[in-house]
Amino acid sequence: MQLDVVNSHNDKVGTVDVRDEVFGGRVNTDLVWESVVHANAAERRGTHKTKNRANVSGSGKKPWRQKGTGRARVGEIRNPLWRHGGTVFGPQPRSYDFKLPNKVERGALRAALAQKMQDGALVLVDALSADAVKTKAATELLKRLGVSGKAVLIDVAVDDKLSRSVRNIPGVSLVASARVTAREVADASRVVATQSAFEKLQEALA
């Protein structure tokens, strides 16, 4: 299988061989799901907190003696059974991140890219760069490439001028090939990658 490589004017300038052992076969959507769940969990702030009986205000003095009053025994007014008492087993600050095997991450990215290839949503270009920091120029570049809506641009090294040009375009992001994730690829309607970035990804995912 081969993919066409185009320039900034959407003219064909070459082709790239796609290895069937990397992007061929059935797309494993389960791996993509696991990678997306992991990415979402890692971004959770986890700053929720409730006060237990050690944190709520109030005296630690025993309200009345243990026996002889006819009332239920109680040790302090911060008792969770009382109004304004502490919360039992309430949420506490924590990280929701968890370890995902590297093979699962690579497999998820491989599956996400393979799905984009099957859908015809992967565009390979010879280079991704900008002469100046201009959002209008970046918008025109994406329009010439037939890219609209959510898109992720992938290059070996992020061009600073192009990165600053596309950051004001809603739904468009520029990431390095070594840092792209399956969630970014799956969430985008179009994926634009340079030839060198695609070749590096194909080697890394083999």
N, C-alpha and C. Protein backbone atom coordinates (compact mmCIF):
# COMPACT_ATOMS: atom_id res chain seq x y z
N MET A 1 0.84 -1.20 0.00
CA MET A 1 0.00 0.00 0.00
C MET A 1 0.88 1.25 0.00
N GLN A 2 0.46 2.26 -0.76
CA GLN A 2 1.19 3.51 -0.83
C GLN A 2 0.27 4.68 -0.56
N LEU A 3 0.83 5.73 0.04
CA LEU A 3 0.09 6.96 0.29
C LEU A 3 0.78 8.09 -0.46
N ASP A 4 -0.02 8.99 -1.02
CA ASP A 4 0.52 10.13 -1.75
C ASP A 4 1.04 11.19 -0.79
N VAL A 5 2.10 11.85 -1.18
CA VAL A 5 2.66 12.97 -0.43
C VAL A 5 2.44 14.23 -1.26
N VAL A 6 1.87 15.26 -0.63
CA VAL A 6 1.56 16.49 -1.33
C VAL A 6 2.35 17.64 -0.72
N ASN A 7 2.40 18.76 -1.46
CA ASN A 7 3.05 19.94 -0.92
C ASN A 7 2.01 20.89 -0.35
N SER A 8 2.41 22.10 -0.01
CA SER A 8 1.49 23.05 0.62
C SER A 8 0.37 23.50 -0.31
N HIS A 9 0.53 23.26 -1.62
CA HIS A 9 -0.51 23.62 -2.59
C HIS A 9 -1.35 22.40 -3.00
N ASN A 10 -1.18 21.32 -2.25
CA ASN A 10 -1.93 20.08 -2.48
C ASN A 10 -1.59 19.43 -3.81
N ASP A 11 -0.36 19.61 -4.28
CA ASP A 11 0.11 18.96 -5.50
C ASP A 11 0.95 17.75 -5.11
N LYS A 12 0.73 16.63 -5.79
CA LYS A 12 1.45 15.41 -5.47
C LYS A 12 2.93 15.56 -5.79
N VAL A 13 3.77 15.21 -4.80
CA VAL A 13 5.21 15.32 -5.00
C VAL A 13 5.93 14.00 -4.73
N GLY A 14 5.20 12.98 -4.33
CA GLY A 14 5.83 11.70 -4.07
C GLY A 14 4.88 10.72 -3.41
N THR A 15 5.40 9.57 -3.01
CA THR A 15 4.61 8.53 -2.35
C THR A 15 5.41 7.95 -1.19
N VAL A 16 4.69 7.32 -0.27
CA VAL A 16 5.30 6.66 0.88
C VAL A 16 4.72 5.25 0.98
N ASP A 17 5.60 4.28 1.20
CA ASP A 17 5.16 2.90 1.36
C ASP A 17 4.65 2.68 2.78
N VAL A 18 3.47 2.06 2.88
CA VAL A 18 2.87 1.74 4.17
C VAL A 18 3.04 0.25 4.42
N ARG A 19 3.65 -0.08 5.54
CA ARG A 19 3.92 -1.48 5.85
C ARG A 19 2.65 -2.16 6.38
N ASP A 20 2.30 -3.26 5.74
CA ASP A 20 1.08 -3.96 6.13
C ASP A 20 1.19 -4.57 7.53
N GLU A 21 2.41 -4.94 7.93
CA GLU A 21 2.55 -5.54 9.25
C GLU A 21 2.37 -4.52 10.37
N VAL A 22 2.40 -3.23 10.02
CA VAL A 22 2.20 -2.17 11.01
C VAL A 22 0.76 -1.68 11.00
N PHE A 23 0.28 -1.30 9.84
CA PHE A 23 -1.05 -0.69 9.75
C PHE A 23 -2.08 -1.57 9.05
N GLY A 24 -1.70 -2.78 8.71
CA GLY A 24 -2.66 -3.67 8.08
C GLY A 24 -3.45 -4.47 9.11
N GLY A 25 -4.44 -5.21 8.64
CA GLY A 25 -5.23 -6.05 9.52
C GLY A 25 -6.37 -5.30 10.20
N ARG A 26 -6.94 -5.97 11.21
CA ARG A 26 -8.10 -5.42 11.91
C ARG A 26 -7.67 -4.30 12.85
N VAL A 27 -8.49 -3.27 12.92
CA VAL A 27 -8.23 -2.15 13.83
C VAL A 27 -8.72 -2.53 15.22
N ASN A 28 -7.82 -2.52 16.18
CA ASN A 28 -8.16 -2.90 17.56
C ASN A 28 -8.68 -1.67 18.30
N THR A 29 -9.99 -1.50 18.28
CA THR A 29 -10.60 -0.33 18.93
C THR A 29 -10.55 -0.42 20.45
N ASP A 30 -10.38 -1.63 20.99
CA ASP A 30 -10.28 -1.77 22.45
C ASP A 30 -9.05 -1.05 22.99
N LEU A 31 -7.94 -1.13 22.25
CA LEU A 31 -6.72 -0.46 22.69
C LEU A 31 -6.89 1.06 22.65
N VAL A 32 -7.58 1.55 21.63
CA VAL A 32 -7.84 2.99 21.54
C VAL A 32 -8.67 3.44 22.73
N TRP A 33 -9.67 2.66 23.09
CA TRP A 33 -10.53 2.99 24.22
C TRP A 33 -9.71 3.06 25.51
N GLU A 34 -8.84 2.07 25.72
CA GLU A 34 -8.02 2.06 26.94
C GLU A 34 -7.10 3.28 26.99
N SER A 35 -6.53 3.65 25.85
CA SER A 35 -5.63 4.80 25.82
C SER A 35 -6.37 6.09 26.09
N VAL A 36 -7.58 6.23 25.55
CA VAL A 36 -8.38 7.43 25.77
C VAL A 36 -8.79 7.54 27.24
N VAL A 37 -9.21 6.43 27.84
CA VAL A 37 -9.57 6.44 29.26
C VAL A 37 -8.37 6.83 30.11
N HIS A 38 -7.21 6.32 29.77
CA HIS A 38 -5.99 6.66 30.52
C HIS A 38 -5.67 8.14 30.41
N ALA A 39 -5.77 8.69 29.20
CA ALA A 39 -5.47 10.11 29.00
C ALA A 39 -6.47 11.00 29.74
N ASN A 40 -7.73 10.62 29.70
CA ASN A 40 -8.75 11.41 30.42
C ASN A 40 -8.54 11.35 31.93
N ALA A 41 -8.18 10.16 32.43
CA ALA A 41 -7.97 10.01 33.87
C ALA A 41 -6.76 10.82 34.33
N ALA A 42 -5.72 10.86 33.52
CA ALA A 42 -4.51 11.59 33.90
C ALA A 42 -4.75 13.09 33.97
N GLU A 43 -5.76 13.59 33.26
CA GLU A 43 -6.04 15.03 33.25
C GLU A 43 -7.00 15.44 34.36
N ARG A 44 -7.59 14.50 35.07
CA ARG A 44 -8.50 14.86 36.15
C ARG A 44 -7.73 15.55 37.27
N ARG A 45 -8.28 16.61 37.81
CA ARG A 45 -7.60 17.39 38.83
C ARG A 45 -7.58 16.67 40.18
N GLY A 46 -8.65 16.02 40.52
CA GLY A 46 -8.69 15.27 41.77
C GLY A 46 -8.53 16.12 43.01
N THR A 47 -9.08 17.34 43.01
CA THR A 47 -8.92 18.25 44.15
C THR A 47 -10.12 18.22 45.10
N HIS A 48 -11.03 17.27 44.89
CA HIS A 48 -12.20 17.17 45.75
C HIS A 48 -11.79 16.77 47.17
N LYS A 49 -12.52 17.30 48.15
CA LYS A 49 -12.19 16.98 49.54
C LYS A 49 -13.39 17.23 50.44
N THR A 50 -13.67 16.29 51.30
CA THR A 50 -14.69 16.47 52.33
C THR A 50 -14.03 16.42 53.70
N LYS A 51 -14.67 17.00 54.69
CA LYS A 51 -14.11 17.04 56.04
C LYS A 51 -14.58 15.82 56.84
N ASN A 52 -13.62 15.13 57.40
CA ASN A 52 -13.99 14.03 58.30
C ASN A 52 -14.10 14.56 59.72
N ARG A 53 -14.27 13.68 60.69
CA ARG A 53 -14.50 14.13 62.07
C ARG A 53 -13.27 14.81 62.66
N ALA A 54 -12.12 14.66 62.04
CA ALA A 54 -10.92 15.34 62.53
C ALA A 54 -10.82 16.76 61.99
N ASN A 55 -11.57 17.07 60.92
CA ASN A 55 -11.44 18.38 60.28
C ASN A 55 -12.57 19.35 60.61
N VAL A 56 -13.75 18.83 60.96
CA VAL A 56 -14.87 19.73 61.22
C VAL A 56 -14.65 20.46 62.55
N SER A 57 -15.27 21.63 62.67
CA SER A 57 -15.12 22.41 63.89
C SER A 57 -16.02 21.85 64.98
N GLY A 58 -15.59 22.02 66.21
CA GLY A 58 -16.38 21.54 67.34
C GLY A 58 -15.48 20.96 68.41
N SER A 59 -16.02 20.85 69.61
CA SER A 59 -15.26 20.36 70.74
C SER A 59 -15.12 18.84 70.69
N GLY A 60 -14.05 18.37 71.31
CA GLY A 60 -13.86 16.93 71.44
C GLY A 60 -14.33 16.42 72.79
N LYS A 61 -14.99 17.31 73.56
CA LYS A 61 -15.46 16.94 74.90
C LYS A 61 -16.68 16.02 74.80
N LYS A 62 -16.75 15.09 75.67
CA LYS A 62 -17.91 14.20 75.70
C LYS A 62 -19.12 14.99 76.17
N PRO A 63 -20.23 15.03 75.38
CA PRO A 63 -21.38 15.87 75.75
C PRO A 63 -22.02 15.51 77.08
N TRP A 64 -22.14 14.26 77.37
CA TRP A 64 -22.69 13.82 78.66
C TRP A 64 -22.05 12.49 79.03
N ARG A 65 -22.27 12.09 80.24
CA ARG A 65 -21.63 10.89 80.73
C ARG A 65 -22.14 9.66 79.99
N GLN A 66 -21.37 8.62 80.06
CA GLN A 66 -21.65 7.42 79.27
C GLN A 66 -22.96 6.75 79.70
N LYS A 67 -23.21 6.66 81.00
CA LYS A 67 -24.37 5.91 81.48
C LYS A 67 -25.24 6.77 82.40
N GLY A 68 -26.46 6.38 82.51
CA GLY A 68 -27.34 6.98 83.51
C GLY A 68 -28.25 8.07 83.01
N THR A 69 -28.06 8.59 81.80
CA THR A 69 -28.92 9.68 81.32
C THR A 69 -30.11 9.16 80.52
N GLY A 70 -30.07 7.93 80.07
CA GLY A 70 -31.15 7.39 79.25
C GLY A 70 -30.98 7.70 77.77
N ARG A 71 -30.01 8.52 77.46
CA ARG A 71 -29.78 8.86 76.06
C ARG A 71 -28.70 7.96 75.47
N ALA A 72 -28.60 7.99 74.14
CA ALA A 72 -27.59 7.17 73.47
C ALA A 72 -26.20 7.66 73.81
N ARG A 73 -25.27 6.74 73.89
CA ARG A 73 -23.90 7.12 74.20
C ARG A 73 -23.28 7.86 73.00
N VAL A 74 -22.49 8.86 73.29
CA VAL A 74 -21.84 9.64 72.24
C VAL A 74 -20.53 10.18 72.80
N GLY A 75 -19.51 10.28 71.96
CA GLY A 75 -18.20 10.69 72.43
C GLY A 75 -17.88 12.14 72.16
N GLU A 76 -18.41 12.72 71.07
CA GLU A 76 -18.13 14.11 70.74
C GLU A 76 -19.17 14.60 69.75
N ILE A 77 -19.28 15.92 69.63
CA ILE A 77 -20.30 16.49 68.73
C ILE A 77 -19.86 16.44 67.27
N ARG A 78 -18.63 16.05 67.04
CA ARG A 78 -18.16 15.90 65.65
C ARG A 78 -18.45 14.51 65.09
N ASN A 79 -19.21 13.75 65.84
CA ASN A 79 -19.63 12.42 65.43
C ASN A 79 -20.29 12.47 64.05
N PRO A 80 -19.94 11.60 63.12
CA PRO A 80 -20.57 11.61 61.79
C PRO A 80 -22.08 11.40 61.81
N LEU A 81 -22.62 10.83 62.92
CA LEU A 81 -24.06 10.62 62.99
C LEU A 81 -24.81 11.91 63.32
N TRP A 82 -24.12 12.91 63.76
CA TRP A 82 -24.77 14.16 64.16
C TRP A 82 -24.72 15.18 63.03
N ARG A 83 -25.67 16.10 63.11
CA ARG A 83 -25.67 17.22 62.17
C ARG A 83 -24.41 18.05 62.37
N HIS A 84 -23.81 18.48 61.29
CA HIS A 84 -22.53 19.21 61.27
C HIS A 84 -21.36 18.34 61.68
N GLY A 85 -21.59 17.04 61.71
CA GLY A 85 -20.49 16.13 62.03
C GLY A 85 -19.63 15.85 60.79
N GLY A 86 -18.61 15.05 60.98
CA GLY A 86 -17.71 14.73 59.88
C GLY A 86 -18.34 13.79 58.88
N THR A 87 -17.77 13.77 57.66
CA THR A 87 -18.23 12.87 56.60
C THR A 87 -17.43 11.58 56.64
N VAL A 88 -18.13 10.46 56.52
CA VAL A 88 -17.48 9.16 56.55
C VAL A 88 -17.12 8.72 55.14
N PHE A 89 -15.86 8.38 54.94
CA PHE A 89 -15.39 7.87 53.65
C PHE A 89 -15.71 8.81 52.48
N GLY A 90 -15.61 10.11 52.71
CA GLY A 90 -15.85 11.07 51.64
C GLY A 90 -14.65 11.16 50.70
N PRO A 91 -14.82 11.81 49.54
CA PRO A 91 -13.70 11.93 48.59
C PRO A 91 -12.57 12.78 49.16
N GLN A 92 -11.35 12.36 48.91
CA GLN A 92 -10.15 13.06 49.35
C GLN A 92 -9.28 13.35 48.13
N PRO A 93 -8.42 14.37 48.20
CA PRO A 93 -7.55 14.67 47.05
C PRO A 93 -6.70 13.47 46.65
N ARG A 94 -6.70 13.19 45.36
CA ARG A 94 -5.90 12.07 44.88
C ARG A 94 -5.69 12.19 43.38
N SER A 95 -4.77 11.43 42.86
CA SER A 95 -4.51 11.39 41.42
C SER A 95 -5.26 10.22 40.81
N TYR A 96 -5.90 10.47 39.69
CA TYR A 96 -6.62 9.41 38.99
C TYR A 96 -5.75 8.72 37.94
N ASP A 97 -4.51 9.17 37.81
CA ASP A 97 -3.61 8.59 36.82
C ASP A 97 -3.27 7.14 37.18
N PHE A 98 -3.04 6.34 36.17
CA PHE A 98 -2.62 4.96 36.39
C PHE A 98 -1.65 4.56 35.29
N LYS A 99 -0.92 3.52 35.53
CA LYS A 99 0.10 3.06 34.59
C LYS A 99 -0.54 2.24 33.49
N LEU A 100 -0.24 2.63 32.25
CA LEU A 100 -0.71 1.86 31.09
C LEU A 100 0.52 1.30 30.39
N PRO A 101 0.53 0.00 30.08
CA PRO A 101 1.71 -0.59 29.44
C PRO A 101 2.07 0.13 28.14
N ASN A 102 3.37 0.22 27.87
CA ASN A 102 3.83 0.90 26.65
C ASN A 102 3.33 0.19 25.40
N LYS A 103 3.19 -1.12 25.47
CA LYS A 103 2.69 -1.85 24.30
C LYS A 103 1.25 -1.47 23.99
N VAL A 104 0.47 -1.20 25.03
CA VAL A 104 -0.92 -0.78 24.82
C VAL A 104 -0.96 0.60 24.19
N GLU A 105 -0.09 1.51 24.66
CA GLU A 105 -0.04 2.86 24.09
C GLU A 105 0.35 2.81 22.62
N ARG A 106 1.37 2.04 22.30
CA ARG A 106 1.79 1.94 20.90
C ARG A 106 0.72 1.28 20.04
N GLY A 107 0.11 0.24 20.58
CA GLY A 107 -0.95 -0.44 19.83
C GLY A 107 -2.15 0.46 19.59
N ALA A 108 -2.48 1.30 20.58
CA ALA A 108 -3.60 2.22 20.42
C ALA A 108 -3.31 3.27 19.35
N LEU A 109 -2.09 3.82 19.35
CA LEU A 109 -1.73 4.80 18.34
C LEU A 109 -1.69 4.17 16.95
N ARG A 110 -1.19 2.94 16.88
CA ARG A 110 -1.17 2.23 15.61
C ARG A 110 -2.59 2.00 15.08
N ALA A 111 -3.50 1.62 15.98
CA ALA A 111 -4.88 1.38 15.57
C ALA A 111 -5.57 2.67 15.16
N ALA A 112 -5.32 3.77 15.88
CA ALA A 112 -5.95 5.04 15.54
C ALA A 112 -5.49 5.54 14.19
N LEU A 113 -4.19 5.43 13.91
CA LEU A 113 -3.68 5.85 12.60
C LEU A 113 -4.20 4.95 11.48
N ALA A 114 -4.29 3.65 11.76
CA ALA A 114 -4.81 2.73 10.74
C ALA A 114 -6.26 3.05 10.40
N GLN A 115 -7.03 3.41 11.41
CA GLN A 115 -8.43 3.77 11.16
C GLN A 115 -8.53 5.02 10.30
N LYS A 116 -7.67 6.01 10.56
CA LYS A 116 -7.68 7.22 9.75
C LYS A 116 -7.29 6.93 8.30
N MET A 117 -6.36 5.99 8.12
CA MET A 117 -6.00 5.60 6.75
C MET A 117 -7.17 4.96 6.02
N GLN A 118 -7.86 4.06 6.72
CA GLN A 118 -9.01 3.40 6.10
C GLN A 118 -10.12 4.38 5.76
N ASP A 119 -10.25 5.43 6.59
CA ASP A 119 -11.28 6.43 6.34
C ASP A 119 -10.85 7.49 5.34
N GLY A 120 -9.61 7.45 4.89
CA GLY A 120 -9.10 8.46 3.97
C GLY A 120 -8.94 9.82 4.63
N ALA A 121 -8.70 9.83 5.95
CA ALA A 121 -8.60 11.09 6.69
C ALA A 121 -7.16 11.43 7.04
N LEU A 122 -6.18 10.72 6.44
CA LEU A 122 -4.77 11.00 6.70
C LEU A 122 -4.16 11.70 5.49
N VAL A 123 -3.56 12.84 5.73
CA VAL A 123 -2.93 13.63 4.67
C VAL A 123 -1.44 13.71 4.96
N LEU A 124 -0.61 13.32 3.99
CA LEU A 124 0.84 13.39 4.13
C LEU A 124 1.37 14.56 3.31
N VAL A 125 2.17 15.40 3.94
CA VAL A 125 2.75 16.56 3.27
C VAL A 125 4.27 16.47 3.36
N ASP A 126 4.94 17.19 2.46
CA ASP A 126 6.40 17.15 2.47
C ASP A 126 6.99 17.96 3.61
N ALA A 127 6.29 19.02 4.05
CA ALA A 127 6.80 19.85 5.13
C ALA A 127 5.66 20.63 5.77
N LEU A 128 5.84 20.98 7.04
CA LEU A 128 4.88 21.82 7.77
C LEU A 128 5.67 22.95 8.41
N SER A 129 5.58 24.12 7.83
CA SER A 129 6.31 25.27 8.35
C SER A 129 5.57 26.54 7.96
N ALA A 130 5.97 27.64 8.59
CA ALA A 130 5.36 28.95 8.31
C ALA A 130 6.46 30.00 8.25
N ASP A 131 6.29 30.95 7.34
CA ASP A 131 7.28 32.03 7.20
C ASP A 131 7.09 33.10 8.27
N ALA A 132 5.85 33.24 8.74
CA ALA A 132 5.56 34.25 9.75
C ALA A 132 4.42 33.75 10.63
N VAL A 133 4.24 34.40 11.77
CA VAL A 133 3.17 34.03 12.69
C VAL A 133 1.89 34.71 12.23
N LYS A 134 1.12 34.00 11.41
CA LYS A 134 -0.13 34.53 10.88
C LYS A 134 -1.19 33.44 10.87
N THR A 135 -2.25 33.65 11.61
CA THR A 135 -3.33 32.67 11.64
C THR A 135 -4.01 32.55 10.29
N LYS A 136 -4.14 33.66 9.58
CA LYS A 136 -4.79 33.65 8.26
C LYS A 136 -4.03 32.75 7.29
N ALA A 137 -2.70 32.83 7.31
CA ALA A 137 -1.90 31.99 6.42
C ALA A 137 -2.06 30.51 6.77
N ALA A 138 -2.11 30.20 8.07
CA ALA A 138 -2.30 28.80 8.49
C ALA A 138 -3.68 28.29 8.08
N THR A 139 -4.69 29.16 8.18
CA THR A 139 -6.04 28.77 7.78
C THR A 139 -6.10 28.49 6.29
N GLU A 140 -5.44 29.32 5.50
CA GLU A 140 -5.41 29.10 4.05
C GLU A 140 -4.67 27.82 3.69
N LEU A 141 -3.59 27.51 4.43
CA LEU A 141 -2.86 26.27 4.20
C LEU A 141 -3.75 25.05 4.44
N LEU A 142 -4.47 25.06 5.55
CA LEU A 142 -5.37 23.93 5.85
C LEU A 142 -6.49 23.83 4.82
N LYS A 143 -6.97 24.97 4.35
CA LYS A 143 -8.03 24.96 3.34
C LYS A 143 -7.55 24.35 2.03
N ARG A 144 -6.30 24.68 1.64
CA ARG A 144 -5.75 24.10 0.41
C ARG A 144 -5.58 22.60 0.54
N LEU A 145 -5.28 22.13 1.75
CA LEU A 145 -5.11 20.69 1.97
C LEU A 145 -6.44 19.97 2.16
N GLY A 146 -7.54 20.71 2.14
CA GLY A 146 -8.85 20.10 2.32
C GLY A 146 -9.15 19.71 3.75
N VAL A 147 -8.55 20.43 4.69
CA VAL A 147 -8.73 20.12 6.12
C VAL A 147 -9.69 21.12 6.73
N SER A 148 -10.71 20.62 7.39
CA SER A 148 -11.68 21.48 8.09
C SER A 148 -12.10 20.79 9.38
N GLY A 149 -12.57 21.58 10.32
CA GLY A 149 -12.97 21.02 11.60
C GLY A 149 -11.77 20.66 12.45
N LYS A 150 -11.94 19.66 13.32
CA LYS A 150 -10.85 19.24 14.19
C LYS A 150 -9.74 18.57 13.38
N ALA A 151 -8.52 18.97 13.67
CA ALA A 151 -7.38 18.40 12.96
C ALA A 151 -6.16 18.41 13.86
N VAL A 152 -5.31 17.41 13.67
CA VAL A 152 -4.04 17.35 14.39
C VAL A 152 -2.92 17.32 13.35
N LEU A 153 -1.95 18.22 13.51
CA LEU A 153 -0.80 18.30 12.62
C LEU A 153 0.39 17.65 13.32
N ILE A 154 1.08 16.75 12.62
CA ILE A 154 2.18 16.00 13.22
C ILE A 154 3.45 16.25 12.44
N ASP A 155 4.49 16.63 13.16
CA ASP A 155 5.81 16.84 12.55
C ASP A 155 6.86 16.29 13.50
N VAL A 156 8.06 16.05 12.97
CA VAL A 156 9.14 15.52 13.81
C VAL A 156 9.50 16.53 14.90
N ALA A 157 9.67 17.77 14.50
CA ALA A 157 9.94 18.87 15.43
C ALA A 157 8.91 19.96 15.16
N VAL A 158 8.32 20.47 16.22
CA VAL A 158 7.27 21.48 16.08
C VAL A 158 7.87 22.81 15.65
N ASP A 159 7.37 23.35 14.53
CA ASP A 159 7.79 24.67 14.07
C ASP A 159 7.11 25.73 14.93
N ASP A 160 7.89 26.58 15.57
CA ASP A 160 7.35 27.55 16.53
C ASP A 160 6.38 28.53 15.85
N LYS A 161 6.74 29.01 14.67
CA LYS A 161 5.87 29.98 13.98
C LYS A 161 4.54 29.36 13.59
N LEU A 162 4.60 28.14 13.07
CA LEU A 162 3.35 27.46 12.69
C LEU A 162 2.52 27.12 13.92
N SER A 163 3.18 26.71 15.01
CA SER A 163 2.46 26.39 16.24
C SER A 163 1.71 27.61 16.76
N ARG A 164 2.34 28.77 16.75
CA ARG A 164 1.69 29.99 17.20
C ARG A 164 0.62 30.45 16.22
N SER A 165 0.74 30.04 14.96
CA SER A 165 -0.26 30.44 13.96
C SER A 165 -1.54 29.64 14.07
N VAL A 166 -1.43 28.35 14.46
CA VAL A 166 -2.61 27.49 14.48
C VAL A 166 -3.28 27.44 15.84
N ARG A 167 -2.63 28.01 16.89
CA ARG A 167 -3.21 27.86 18.22
C ARG A 167 -4.50 28.65 18.39
N ASN A 168 -4.77 29.61 17.52
CA ASN A 168 -6.02 30.36 17.59
C ASN A 168 -7.12 29.75 16.72
N ILE A 169 -6.79 28.68 15.99
CA ILE A 169 -7.79 28.00 15.16
C ILE A 169 -8.47 26.94 16.02
N PRO A 170 -9.77 27.03 16.23
CA PRO A 170 -10.45 26.06 17.11
C PRO A 170 -10.31 24.63 16.59
N GLY A 171 -9.93 23.73 17.48
CA GLY A 171 -9.87 22.32 17.14
C GLY A 171 -8.62 21.88 16.40
N VAL A 172 -7.66 22.78 16.19
CA VAL A 172 -6.44 22.44 15.45
C VAL A 172 -5.25 22.51 16.40
N SER A 173 -4.40 21.49 16.37
CA SER A 173 -3.22 21.45 17.23
C SER A 173 -2.04 20.90 16.44
N LEU A 174 -0.86 21.32 16.83
CA LEU A 174 0.39 20.87 16.21
C LEU A 174 1.22 20.17 17.28
N VAL A 175 1.54 18.89 17.05
CA VAL A 175 2.28 18.11 18.04
C VAL A 175 3.45 17.41 17.37
N ALA A 176 4.46 17.09 18.17
CA ALA A 176 5.61 16.34 17.67
C ALA A 176 5.25 14.86 17.56
N SER A 177 5.90 14.18 16.62
CA SER A 177 5.58 12.77 16.39
C SER A 177 5.88 11.91 17.61
N ALA A 178 6.86 12.32 18.43
CA ALA A 178 7.21 11.54 19.61
C ALA A 178 6.21 11.73 20.74
N ARG A 179 5.32 12.73 20.66
CA ARG A 179 4.40 13.03 21.75
C ARG A 179 2.93 12.87 21.35
N VAL A 180 2.66 12.50 20.12
CA VAL A 180 1.26 12.37 19.70
C VAL A 180 0.64 11.15 20.38
N THR A 181 -0.64 11.26 20.73
CA THR A 181 -1.35 10.19 21.42
C THR A 181 -2.51 9.68 20.58
N ALA A 182 -2.98 8.49 20.95
CA ALA A 182 -4.11 7.91 20.23
C ALA A 182 -5.37 8.75 20.39
N ARG A 183 -5.53 9.40 21.55
CA ARG A 183 -6.71 10.23 21.76
C ARG A 183 -6.73 11.41 20.81
N GLU A 184 -5.57 12.05 20.60
CA GLU A 184 -5.51 13.19 19.68
C GLU A 184 -5.84 12.76 18.26
N VAL A 185 -5.35 11.60 17.86
CA VAL A 185 -5.61 11.11 16.50
C VAL A 185 -7.08 10.71 16.34
N ALA A 186 -7.61 9.99 17.31
CA ALA A 186 -8.99 9.52 17.21
C ALA A 186 -9.99 10.66 17.27
N ASP A 187 -9.66 11.72 18.03
CA ASP A 187 -10.58 12.83 18.21
C ASP A 187 -10.62 13.76 16.99
N ALA A 188 -9.58 13.73 16.17
CA ALA A 188 -9.51 14.64 15.02
C ALA A 188 -10.25 14.05 13.82
N SER A 189 -10.87 14.93 13.06
CA SER A 189 -11.53 14.48 11.84
C SER A 189 -10.53 14.30 10.70
N ARG A 190 -9.40 15.03 10.77
CA ARG A 190 -8.34 14.90 9.77
C ARG A 190 -6.98 14.92 10.47
N VAL A 191 -6.06 14.11 9.97
CA VAL A 191 -4.70 14.05 10.49
C VAL A 191 -3.76 14.44 9.36
N VAL A 192 -2.95 15.47 9.62
CA VAL A 192 -1.96 15.94 8.65
C VAL A 192 -0.58 15.67 9.22
N ALA A 193 0.22 14.87 8.52
CA ALA A 193 1.55 14.50 9.00
C ALA A 193 2.57 14.73 7.90
N THR A 194 3.77 15.12 8.31
CA THR A 194 4.85 15.23 7.34
C THR A 194 5.36 13.84 6.98
N GLN A 195 6.03 13.75 5.84
CA GLN A 195 6.55 12.45 5.41
C GLN A 195 7.56 11.89 6.40
N SER A 196 8.44 12.75 6.89
CA SER A 196 9.45 12.29 7.85
C SER A 196 8.80 11.85 9.16
N ALA A 197 7.78 12.57 9.61
CA ALA A 197 7.10 12.20 10.86
C ALA A 197 6.39 10.87 10.71
N PHE A 198 5.75 10.64 9.56
CA PHE A 198 5.05 9.38 9.34
C PHE A 198 6.03 8.21 9.30
N GLU A 199 7.19 8.42 8.67
CA GLU A 199 8.18 7.35 8.61
C GLU A 199 8.72 7.02 9.99
N LYS A 200 8.93 8.05 10.82
CA LYS A 200 9.39 7.79 12.18
C LYS A 200 8.34 7.06 12.99
N LEU A 201 7.06 7.44 12.83
CA LEU A 201 5.99 6.74 13.52
C LEU A 201 5.90 5.30 13.08
N GLN A 202 6.08 5.06 11.79
CA GLN A 202 5.98 3.69 11.28
C GLN A 202 7.11 2.84 11.84
N GLU A 203 8.29 3.41 12.00
CA GLU A 203 9.40 2.67 12.59
C GLU A 203 9.16 2.40 14.08
N ALA A 204 8.64 3.41 14.78
CA ALA A 204 8.43 3.27 16.23
C ALA A 204 7.31 2.28 16.54
N LEU A 205 6.32 2.19 15.67
CA LEU A 205 5.16 1.34 15.92
C LEU A 205 5.31 -0.05 15.36
N ALA A 206 6.41 -0.32 14.68
CA ALA A 206 6.62 -1.64 14.07
C ALA A 206 6.79 -2.70 15.16
